[in-house]
Protein backbone atom coordinates (compact mmCIF):
# COMPACT_ATOMS: atom_id res chain seq x y z
CA MET A 1 74.28 41.38 -47.05
CA GLY A 2 76.62 40.87 -44.13
CA LYS A 3 77.00 37.96 -41.81
CA GLN A 4 74.09 37.54 -39.40
CA SER A 5 74.99 37.26 -35.75
CA ASN A 6 73.07 36.22 -32.71
CA PRO A 7 71.94 39.06 -30.46
CA MET A 8 73.75 39.49 -27.18
CA ILE A 9 72.10 39.85 -23.78
CA GLY A 10 73.66 40.50 -20.41
CA CYS A 11 72.84 40.44 -16.74
CA ARG A 12 74.51 40.87 -13.41
CA VAL A 13 75.06 37.86 -11.16
CA SER A 14 76.41 37.43 -7.66
CA SER A 15 80.10 36.76 -7.10
CA GLU A 16 79.13 33.25 -5.95
CA TRP A 17 77.34 32.50 -9.24
CA LYS A 18 80.22 33.91 -11.26
CA ALA A 19 82.68 31.68 -9.39
CA LYS A 20 80.47 28.61 -9.96
CA ILE A 21 80.12 29.40 -13.67
CA GLU A 22 83.87 29.83 -14.03
CA SER A 23 84.49 26.60 -12.12
CA ILE A 24 82.14 24.67 -14.41
CA ALA A 25 83.77 26.25 -17.45
CA THR A 26 87.26 25.32 -16.30
CA ALA A 27 86.25 21.77 -15.40
CA SER A 28 84.54 21.21 -18.74
CA GLY A 29 87.12 22.92 -20.94
CA ARG A 30 84.66 25.58 -22.08
CA ASN A 31 84.39 29.29 -21.49
CA SER A 32 81.85 31.07 -19.29
CA SER A 33 79.75 32.17 -22.26
CA GLN A 34 79.35 28.57 -23.43
CA VAL A 35 78.27 27.46 -19.94
CA ILE A 36 75.72 30.28 -19.69
CA TYR A 37 74.44 29.60 -23.23
CA GLU A 38 73.85 25.96 -22.34
CA ALA A 39 72.16 26.85 -19.05
CA ILE A 40 69.72 29.14 -20.86
CA GLY A 41 69.08 26.40 -23.43
CA VAL A 42 68.27 23.91 -20.67
CA TYR A 43 65.93 26.41 -19.02
CA LEU A 44 64.15 27.04 -22.32
CA GLY A 45 63.99 23.33 -23.16
CA CYS A 46 66.31 23.63 -26.16
CA ASN A 47 68.97 21.01 -26.77
CA ASP A 48 71.45 22.40 -29.26
CA ALA A 49 73.71 19.69 -30.71
CA ASN A 50 76.73 21.84 -29.81
CA THR A 51 76.00 21.91 -26.08
CA VAL A 52 77.09 19.27 -23.63
CA GLY A 53 73.42 18.37 -23.12
CA GLY A 54 72.96 17.92 -26.85
CA GLN A 55 76.11 15.82 -27.07
CA VAL A 56 74.95 13.65 -24.16
CA ALA A 57 71.57 13.12 -25.83
CA SER A 58 73.33 12.09 -29.04
CA LEU A 59 75.64 9.70 -27.17
CA GLU A 60 72.70 8.16 -25.29
CA SER A 61 70.94 7.53 -28.58
CA ARG A 62 74.04 5.95 -30.09
CA LEU A 63 74.59 3.82 -26.98
CA SER A 64 71.01 2.53 -27.16
CA GLU A 65 71.61 1.51 -30.77
CA VAL A 66 74.84 -0.32 -29.84
CA GLU A 67 73.08 -2.10 -26.96
CA ARG A 68 70.27 -3.17 -29.30
CA LYS A 69 72.78 -4.57 -31.81
CA LEU A 70 74.74 -6.30 -29.05
CA ALA A 71 71.56 -7.96 -27.77
CA GLY A 72 70.91 -9.26 -31.31
CA LEU A 73 74.45 -10.63 -31.59
CA THR A 74 74.15 -12.28 -28.21
CA LEU A 75 70.99 -14.07 -29.39
CA LEU A 76 72.77 -15.22 -32.55
CA LEU A 77 75.71 -16.58 -30.57
CA GLY A 78 73.42 -18.27 -28.05
CA LYS A 79 75.03 -16.72 -24.97
């Protein structure tokens, strides 16, 4: 069996939307397809670990863990 691929969908958008998508892509170092993929994921309530939203969620979780550990160290040091 061959490699499975994700199906492709397409739609037309206004020139204004296209410019905004391209601007976001350029600013974030991604391409337009990645920006659109993430936008659809947000709309559908899916947080893929490869999207910026998924990465932010992961970082927030890790930050909470660091803050919890720091609070424990602060108690141990009496500060």
